Protein backbone atom coordinates (compact mmCIF):
# COMPACT_ATOMS: atom_id res chain seq x y z
CA UNK A 1 0.00 0.00 0.00
CA UNK A 2 1.30 3.43 -0.91
CA UNK A 3 0.94 6.43 1.41
CA UNK A 4 2.54 9.11 -0.76
CA UNK A 5 -0.71 11.11 -0.92
CA UNK A 6 -1.32 10.83 2.82
CA UNK A 7 2.23 12.01 3.51
CA UNK A 8 1.79 14.99 1.19
CA UNK A 9 -1.55 15.93 2.80
CA UNK A 10 -0.73 15.31 6.45
CA UNK A 11 2.93 16.23 6.90
CA UNK A 12 4.27 19.78 7.09
CA UNK A 13 5.73 20.77 3.75
CA UNK A 14 9.31 20.93 4.99
CA UNK A 15 9.10 17.42 6.45
CA UNK A 16 7.65 16.03 3.23
CA UNK A 17 10.46 17.65 1.22
CA UNK A 18 13.02 16.42 3.73
CA UNK A 19 11.82 12.85 3.18
CA UNK A 20 12.08 13.31 -0.58
CA UNK A 21 15.68 14.53 -0.19
CA UNK A 22 16.47 11.53 2.02
CA UNK A 23 15.10 9.23 -0.69
CA UNK A 24 17.16 11.02 -3.34
CA UNK A 25 20.29 10.49 -1.25
CA UNK A 26 19.40 6.81 -1.04
CA UNK A 27 19.16 6.63 -4.83
CA UNK A 28 22.46 8.48 -5.20
CA UNK A 29 24.30 6.17 -2.78
CA UNK A 30 22.61 3.01 -4.05
CA UNK A 31 20.93 2.26 -0.71
CA UNK A 32 17.29 1.43 0.03
CA UNK A 33 16.25 3.90 2.73
CA UNK A 34 13.19 3.94 4.98
CA UNK A 35 11.52 6.11 7.60
CA UNK A 36 10.53 3.81 10.46
CA UNK A 37 8.87 3.32 13.82
CA UNK A 38 6.74 5.86 15.64
CA UNK A 39 6.75 8.28 12.70
CA UNK A 40 4.97 5.69 10.55
CA UNK A 41 2.63 4.55 13.33
CA UNK A 42 1.48 8.08 14.09
CA UNK A 43 1.16 9.02 10.42
CA UNK A 44 -1.32 6.18 9.94
CA UNK A 45 -3.47 7.23 12.89
CA UNK A 46 -3.32 10.95 12.11
CA UNK A 47 -1.15 11.90 15.07
CA UNK A 48 1.62 14.46 14.73
CA UNK A 49 5.11 13.01 15.12
CA UNK A 50 8.06 14.77 13.55
CA UNK A 51 10.80 12.50 14.93
CA UNK A 52 12.40 11.32 11.69
CA UNK A 53 14.19 7.99 12.21
CA UNK A 54 15.76 6.59 9.06
CA UNK A 55 17.05 3.06 8.43
CA UNK A 56 19.42 2.33 5.57
CA UNK A 57 20.09 -1.04 3.97
CA UNK A 58 23.80 -0.42 3.61
CA UNK A 59 26.23 1.72 5.55
CA UNK A 60 24.21 4.18 7.60
CA UNK A 61 27.19 6.34 8.48
CA UNK A 62 28.26 6.73 4.84
CA UNK A 63 24.67 7.59 3.97
CA UNK A 64 24.48 10.15 6.80
CA UNK A 65 27.57 11.96 5.51
CA UNK A 66 26.22 11.97 1.95
CA UNK A 67 22.90 13.40 3.11
CA UNK A 68 24.55 15.98 5.36
CA UNK A 69 26.82 17.13 2.54
CA UNK A 70 23.85 18.04 0.34
CA UNK A 71 21.93 19.75 3.14
CA UNK A 72 24.95 21.47 4.72
CA UNK A 73 24.35 19.50 7.91
CA UNK A 74 26.64 18.18 10.61
CA UNK A 75 27.10 14.53 11.48
CA UNK A 76 27.64 12.94 14.86
CA UNK A 77 28.40 9.27 14.30
CA UNK A 78 28.54 6.15 16.48
CA UNK A 79 30.57 3.59 14.59
CA UNK A 80 29.97 0.79 17.08
CA UNK A 81 26.24 0.74 16.32
CA UNK A 82 26.37 2.02 12.76
CA UNK A 83 24.24 5.03 13.65
CA UNK A 84 24.50 8.78 13.18
CA UNK A 85 22.60 11.97 13.89
CA UNK A 86 22.45 14.57 11.13
CA UNK A 87 21.79 18.09 12.39
CA UNK A 88 20.59 20.44 9.66
CA UNK A 89 21.33 24.19 9.62
CA UNK A 90 17.95 25.01 11.20
CA UNK A 91 18.66 22.63 14.10
CA UNK A 92 16.34 19.84 12.89
CA UNK A 93 17.80 16.39 13.58
CA UNK A 94 17.51 13.20 11.55
CA UNK A 95 18.50 9.90 13.17
CA UNK A 96 20.14 7.50 10.73
CA UNK A 97 20.81 3.82 11.43
CA UNK A 98 22.22 0.91 9.52
CA UNK A 99 19.64 -1.85 9.18
CA UNK A 100 20.70 -4.39 11.79
CA UNK A 101 19.75 -7.40 13.80
CA UNK A 102 20.24 -7.78 17.55
CA UNK A 103 21.21 -10.67 19.82
CA UNK A 104 20.57 -10.57 23.59
CA UNK A 105 22.94 -12.65 25.72
CA UNK A 106 20.59 -12.63 28.74
CA UNK A 107 17.44 -10.79 29.96
CA UNK A 108 18.02 -7.11 30.48
CA UNK A 109 21.36 -7.08 28.65
CA UNK A 110 22.12 -4.53 25.97
CA UNK A 111 22.14 -6.27 22.58
CA UNK A 112 25.03 -7.06 20.30
CA UNK A 113 24.30 -5.91 16.76
CA UNK A 114 25.35 -6.65 13.19
CA UNK A 115 24.28 -5.20 9.81
CA UNK A 116 21.31 -6.86 8.17
CA UNK A 117 18.13 -6.19 6.17
CA UNK A 118 15.14 -3.93 6.81
CA UNK A 119 13.12 -7.04 7.66
CA UNK A 120 15.57 -8.03 10.41
CA UNK A 121 15.74 -4.44 11.60
CA UNK A 122 11.96 -4.23 11.98
CA UNK A 123 11.84 -7.69 13.57
CA UNK A 124 14.00 -6.49 16.49
CA UNK A 125 11.50 -3.80 17.50
CA UNK A 126 9.16 -3.92 20.44
CA UNK A 127 5.61 -4.11 19.01
CA UNK A 128 4.02 -4.73 15.64
CA UNK A 129 2.60 -1.18 15.53
CA UNK A 130 6.17 0.12 15.80
CA UNK A 131 7.63 -2.32 13.27
CA UNK A 132 6.41 -0.64 10.09
CA UNK A 133 8.46 1.40 7.64
CA UNK A 134 7.83 3.56 4.59
CA UNK A 135 10.30 3.44 1.72
CA UNK A 136 11.69 6.79 0.57
CA UNK A 137 13.59 5.95 -2.63
CA UNK A 138 12.04 7.63 -5.65
CA UNK A 139 10.65 4.54 -7.36
CA UNK A 140 8.96 3.27 -4.17
CA UNK A 141 8.38 6.52 -2.31
CA UNK A 142 5.48 6.09 0.12
CA UNK A 143 5.33 2.28 -0.03
CA UNK A 144 4.42 0.74 3.34
CA UNK A 145 6.72 -2.05 4.54
CA UNK A 146 4.75 -4.16 7.00
CA UNK A 147 6.04 -7.71 7.50
CA UNK A 148 4.40 -8.34 10.87
CA UNK A 149 0.82 -7.07 10.64
CA UNK A 150 1.39 -3.70 12.25
CA UNK A 151 -1.23 -1.89 10.17
CA UNK A 152 -3.88 -4.48 11.03
CA UNK A 153 -3.05 -4.27 14.75
CA UNK A 154 -3.15 -0.48 14.52
CA UNK A 155 -6.61 -0.61 12.96
CA UNK A 156 -7.83 -3.09 15.58
CA UNK A 157 -6.23 -1.30 18.53
CA UNK A 158 -3.84 -4.07 19.62
CA UNK A 159 -0.45 -3.78 21.26
CA UNK A 160 1.30 -7.01 20.26
CA UNK A 161 4.90 -8.13 20.73
CA UNK A 162 6.67 -9.65 17.75
CA UNK A 163 7.84 -12.86 19.42
CA UNK A 164 7.46 -14.77 22.68
CA UNK A 165 10.90 -13.84 24.07
CA UNK A 166 10.39 -10.10 23.55
CA UNK A 167 9.96 -9.24 27.24
CA UNK A 168 12.83 -11.53 28.18
CA UNK A 169 15.12 -9.86 25.63
CA UNK A 170 14.22 -6.39 26.87
CA UNK A 171 12.09 -6.16 30.04
CA UNK A 172 11.67 -2.38 29.62
CA UNK A 173 9.14 -3.30 26.93
CA UNK A 174 6.80 -4.11 29.82
CA UNK A 175 6.55 -0.40 30.58
CA UNK A 176 6.39 0.62 26.94
CA UNK A 177 3.56 -1.85 26.27
CA UNK A 178 1.25 -0.27 28.82
CA UNK A 179 2.38 3.27 27.91
CA UNK A 180 1.42 2.76 24.25
CA UNK A 181 -1.73 0.91 25.26
CA UNK A 182 -2.96 3.76 27.43
CA UNK A 183 -1.74 6.61 25.24
CA UNK A 184 -3.65 5.37 22.21
CA UNK A 185 -6.63 3.81 23.98
CA UNK A 186 -5.55 0.35 22.74
CA UNK A 187 -5.57 -3.04 24.47
CA UNK A 188 -2.84 -5.57 25.06
CA UNK A 189 -3.27 -8.51 22.71
CA UNK A 190 -4.16 -11.55 24.83
CA UNK A 191 -0.93 -13.50 24.41
CA UNK A 192 1.10 -10.33 24.85
CA UNK A 193 -0.67 -9.68 28.16
CA UNK A 194 -0.07 -13.26 29.29
CA UNK A 195 3.64 -13.02 28.49
CA UNK A 196 3.86 -9.64 30.17
CA UNK A 197 2.33 -11.06 33.35
CA UNK A 198 4.78 -13.98 33.23
CA UNK A 199 7.69 -11.58 32.79
CA UNK A 200 6.58 -9.56 35.82
CA UNK A 201 6.12 -12.75 37.85
CA UNK A 202 9.58 -13.84 36.76
CA UNK A 203 10.99 -10.55 38.06
CA UNK A 204 12.69 -9.83 34.72
CA UNK A 205 12.77 -6.11 35.52
CA UNK A 206 15.30 -6.77 38.28
CA UNK A 207 17.83 -7.46 35.53
CA UNK A 208 17.82 -3.93 34.07
CA UNK A 209 19.91 -1.01 35.29
CA UNK A 210 18.51 1.80 37.38
CA UNK A 211 19.17 4.21 34.52
CA UNK A 212 17.01 2.22 32.10
CA UNK A 213 14.26 1.87 34.70
CA UNK A 214 14.41 5.63 35.32
CA UNK A 215 14.13 6.43 31.62
CA UNK A 216 10.97 4.36 31.24
CA UNK A 217 9.35 5.76 34.40
CA UNK A 218 10.05 9.35 33.35
CA UNK A 219 8.62 8.72 29.87
CA UNK A 220 5.42 7.53 31.53
CA UNK A 221 5.31 10.53 33.85
CA UNK A 222 5.92 12.82 30.88
CA UNK A 223 2.78 11.58 29.11
CA UNK A 224 -0.01 14.10 28.65
CA UNK A 225 -2.31 11.79 30.63
CA UNK A 226 -0.10 9.65 32.92
CA UNK A 227 -2.86 8.51 35.30
CA UNK A 228 -4.24 5.63 33.17
CA UNK A 229 -0.73 4.22 32.77
CA UNK A 230 -0.01 4.62 36.49
CA UNK A 231 -3.25 2.74 37.25
CA UNK A 232 -2.22 0.02 34.81
CA UNK A 233 1.20 -0.19 36.45
CA UNK A 234 -0.59 -0.81 39.74
CA UNK A 235 -2.70 -3.51 38.11
CA UNK A 236 0.43 -5.36 36.96
CA UNK A 237 2.34 -4.79 40.24
CA UNK A 238 4.96 -2.59 38.58
CA UNK A 239 4.99 0.30 41.05
CA UNK A 240 7.15 -1.76 43.39
CA UNK A 241 10.13 -1.22 41.08
CA UNK A 242 10.00 2.46 42.04
CA UNK A 243 9.30 1.74 45.71
CA UNK A 244 7.26 -1.07 47.30
CA UNK A 245 5.38 1.31 49.63
CA UNK A 246 3.79 3.38 46.87
CA UNK A 247 0.09 2.62 46.51
CA UNK A 248 -2.07 3.62 43.54
CA UNK A 249 -4.99 4.95 45.56
CA UNK A 250 -7.87 7.27 44.76
CA UNK A 251 -6.02 9.97 46.72
CA UNK A 252 -2.95 9.57 44.50
CA UNK A 253 -5.08 9.76 41.36
CA UNK A 254 -6.77 12.92 42.65
CA UNK A 255 -3.36 14.43 43.41
CA UNK A 256 -2.24 13.70 39.84
CA UNK A 257 -5.32 15.44 38.49
CA UNK A 258 -4.64 18.49 40.64
CA UNK A 259 -0.99 18.67 39.58
CA UNK A 260 -2.11 18.47 35.94
CA UNK A 261 -4.52 21.38 36.46
CA UNK A 262 -1.78 23.39 38.17
CA UNK A 263 0.71 22.68 35.38
CA UNK A 264 -1.81 23.75 32.76
CA UNK A 265 -2.40 26.98 34.70
CA UNK A 266 1.33 27.66 34.85
CA UNK A 267 1.87 26.93 31.15
CA UNK A 268 -0.92 29.37 30.29
CA UNK A 269 0.63 31.98 32.61
CA UNK A 270 4.33 31.74 31.80
CA UNK A 271 5.59 31.37 28.25
CA UNK A 272 9.31 31.41 29.12
CA UNK A 273 9.73 29.46 32.36
CA UNK A 274 8.44 25.96 31.75
CA UNK A 275 8.20 23.22 34.36
CA UNK A 276 9.13 19.59 33.75
CA UNK A 277 5.92 17.49 33.83
CA UNK A 278 7.86 14.31 34.62
CA UNK A 279 9.47 15.87 37.70
CA UNK A 280 6.20 17.37 38.94
CA UNK A 281 4.45 14.02 38.55
CA UNK A 282 7.34 12.20 40.21
CA UNK A 283 6.99 14.43 43.27
CA UNK A 284 3.28 13.58 43.35
CA UNK A 285 3.97 9.86 42.92
CA UNK A 286 6.40 9.84 45.86
CA UNK A 287 4.34 12.10 48.10
CA UNK A 288 3.16 9.21 50.26
CA UNK A 289 6.75 8.18 51.08
CA UNK A 290 8.82 9.56 53.94
CA UNK A 291 12.20 11.23 53.40
CA UNK A 292 14.22 8.03 53.81
CA UNK A 293 11.96 6.12 51.42
CA UNK A 294 12.19 8.92 48.84
CA UNK A 295 15.97 8.75 49.07
CA UNK A 296 15.82 4.98 48.56
CA UNK A 297 13.58 5.38 45.49
CA UNK A 298 15.88 8.08 44.11
CA UNK A 299 18.83 5.71 44.37
CA UNK A 300 16.88 2.93 42.65
CA UNK A 301 16.16 5.25 39.72
CA UNK A 302 19.61 6.85 39.67
CA UNK A 303 18.00 10.27 39.49
CA UNK A 304 20.03 13.27 38.39
CA UNK A 305 20.85 16.11 40.74
CA UNK A 306 17.93 18.38 39.82
CA UNK A 307 15.41 15.62 40.52
CA UNK A 308 17.08 14.60 43.78
CA UNK A 309 17.14 18.16 45.07
CA UNK A 310 13.50 18.77 44.16
CA UNK A 311 12.36 15.56 45.87
CA UNK A 312 14.44 16.36 48.92
CA UNK A 313 12.96 19.88 49.11
CA UNK A 314 9.44 18.49 48.84
CA UNK A 315 10.09 16.31 51.89
CA UNK A 316 12.54 18.29 54.02
CA UNK A 317 11.51 21.91 53.43
CA UNK A 318 8.02 22.10 52.00
CA UNK A 319 6.00 20.65 54.92
CA UNK A 320 7.26 23.28 57.39
CA UNK A 321 6.73 26.08 54.90
CA UNK A 322 3.17 24.97 54.18
CA UNK A 323 2.43 24.63 57.89
CA UNK A 324 3.78 28.08 58.74
CA UNK A 325 2.17 29.86 55.79
CA UNK A 326 -1.14 28.23 56.62
CA UNK A 327 -1.05 29.63 60.14
CA UNK A 328 0.13 33.20 59.51
CA UNK A 329 -0.85 35.76 56.85
CA UNK A 330 2.58 36.74 55.60
CA UNK A 331 3.65 39.95 53.90
CA UNK A 332 4.94 39.75 50.30
CA UNK A 333 8.53 39.90 51.56
CA UNK A 334 7.92 37.08 54.04
CA UNK A 335 6.34 34.95 51.30
CA UNK A 336 9.33 35.68 49.07
CA UNK A 337 11.78 34.73 51.79
CA UNK A 338 9.94 31.47 52.53
CA UNK A 339 9.66 30.34 48.91
CA UNK A 340 12.84 31.70 47.36
CA UNK A 341 15.09 28.95 46.11
CA UNK A 342 12.47 26.21 45.98
CA UNK A 343 12.38 24.48 42.56
CA UNK A 344 9.49 25.52 40.34
CA UNK A 345 8.07 21.99 40.29
CA UNK A 346 8.02 21.88 44.10
CA UNK A 347 6.12 25.16 44.20
CA UNK A 348 3.58 23.94 41.66
CA UNK A 349 3.16 20.72 43.62
CA UNK A 350 2.55 22.74 46.79
CA UNK A 351 -0.14 24.70 44.96
CA UNK A 352 -1.79 21.46 43.89
CA UNK A 353 -1.68 19.85 47.31
CA UNK A 354 -2.12 22.70 49.79
CA UNK A 355 -5.09 24.81 48.70
CA UNK A 356 -4.79 27.02 51.80
CA UNK A 357 -1.55 28.58 50.56
CA UNK A 358 -2.24 28.42 46.82
CA UNK A 359 -2.91 32.15 46.55
CA UNK A 360 0.35 33.01 48.31
CA UNK A 361 2.40 30.77 46.01
CA UNK A 362 0.57 32.09 42.96
CA UNK A 363 1.38 35.65 44.06
CA UNK A 364 5.04 34.73 44.50
CA UNK A 365 5.28 33.01 41.10
CA UNK A 366 3.47 35.69 39.13
CA UNK A 367 4.39 38.87 41.01
CA UNK A 368 7.50 38.78 43.19
CA UNK A 369 9.64 35.91 41.92
CA UNK A 370 10.99 37.88 38.96
CA UNK A 371 11.35 41.29 40.65
CA UNK A 372 14.89 42.69 40.67
CA UNK A 373 16.17 44.68 43.67
CA UNK A 374 16.34 48.45 43.20
CA UNK A 375 19.78 48.62 44.86
CA UNK A 376 22.74 46.26 44.78
CA UNK A 377 26.27 45.97 46.10
CA UNK A 378 27.65 48.43 43.56
CA UNK A 379 25.19 51.02 44.78
CA UNK A 380 26.30 50.49 48.37
CA UNK A 381 29.94 50.95 47.40
CA UNK A 382 29.09 54.20 45.62
CA UNK A 383 27.28 55.34 48.77
CA UNK A 384 30.48 54.79 50.74
CA UNK A 385 29.62 51.64 52.67
CA UNK A 386 32.64 49.40 53.30
CA UNK A 387 32.19 45.87 51.99
CA UNK A 388 31.35 43.27 54.59
CA UNK A 389 28.56 41.27 56.25
CA UNK A 390 26.50 44.47 56.62
CA UNK A 391 25.83 44.38 52.86
CA UNK A 392 23.59 41.33 53.23
CA UNK A 393 21.55 42.95 55.99
CA UNK A 394 21.14 46.21 54.07
CA UNK A 395 20.24 44.58 50.75
CA UNK A 396 17.81 42.07 52.30
CA UNK A 397 16.03 44.72 54.33
CA UNK A 398 15.81 47.15 51.44
CA UNK A 399 14.50 44.50 49.07
CA UNK A 400 11.91 43.44 51.65
CA UNK A 401 10.70 47.02 51.90
CA UNK A 402 10.54 47.16 48.10
CA UNK A 403 8.43 43.97 47.94
CA UNK A 404 6.09 45.26 50.64
CA UNK A 405 5.44 48.45 48.71
CA UNK A 406 7.32 50.78 51.05
CA UNK A 407 9.80 51.75 48.31
CA UNK A 408 8.68 52.69 44.82
CA UNK A 409 11.86 53.58 42.94
CA UNK A 410 15.64 53.73 43.21
CA UNK A 411 15.74 57.20 44.77
CA UNK A 412 13.45 56.04 47.53
CA UNK A 413 15.57 52.93 47.98
CA UNK A 414 18.72 55.01 48.41
CA UNK A 415 16.98 57.26 50.93
CA UNK A 416 15.74 54.15 52.77
CA UNK A 417 19.32 52.88 53.08
CA UNK A 418 20.78 56.19 54.15
CA UNK A 419 18.05 56.83 56.73
CA UNK A 420 18.61 53.48 58.45
CA UNK A 421 22.34 52.96 58.15
CA UNK A 422 23.51 56.49 58.69
CA UNK A 423 25.72 57.41 55.78
CA UNK A 424 25.51 61.13 55.17
CA UNK A 425 26.50 62.05 51.63
């Protein structure tokens, strides 16, 4: 079946032309070349996906250099895997891979690879709906390559693995299966579900590294609607791989919904300071754990510094701040002092969880967080103040007065300083 017309109608013009140029490079280098995977899947269901992954029957690195030369792009190559990334002048990236087959030495191991055909390359993929390709060479441009019934499964709404050892070869496919299932409103094909349950019972996920586990969890938490997948993870007893004390309860689901609403509010409010949905959702997911349990989960997932610090702040700092702000009506400067330095995602989580201080946090985020002090250290030096610990006291007090509306401009700020710290100019 040929999808040339669908590609022309559905894809942005520059993507369509890019694919034509890729096909022309394939003709010029004598290599069959295909766009593969999620790009094809989403094209067929009318979903936007501009991640262009190309597979070449031949030398992918040679092809990448030939394509980059025509488009004035830059190539970053990985000879060991026969892959390359071509970055075009406008920053758009095209992933290029040599068609290959993979062999797994044991469950959870990274595969060894060797060059092969497009059929073998598609056979190594996770699910039939991701194992389709579209040929880009001129004579066959738009031709669907579907050896394993991916189009039929897509039409019927099935997530199906390609062979019975799929979850053993790569246990992270357990997470991807339910992520695709829930994202698209599909169902696990019956044998796929049976093999998935056997893989979970066999504890195959214990064989993967913390980094690979983390990557899959964060992809789930990054989904536009993560709750259905989180529920499904609970159904298959997968949450324990994050931490065995996490429970998928109605309270947790409600918290996820509230964090989603808060994130949407923030995205509509701030165009330049975006929050990370995966981190915000991770804080919500771990909310029921104590500080020691959060630290344990962080180690399991090998979280990077930003995530560790945000989770630690949500457990070690946030509870006291919420308690205090709920008891006392603070001034703008006191709110600023309490919230300054907390990661954005922690603040948004606090808004979602603690309604009683939502207005105060909203005021901080939208009004005072981005205010710059009217005076700084250079100003104090010009006023004749010797450098030292007094600078901190003067600047903090002056900025607090500015936030509380007692100072309106720089002249008033200077007078405020001089009146309280006695320098007569």
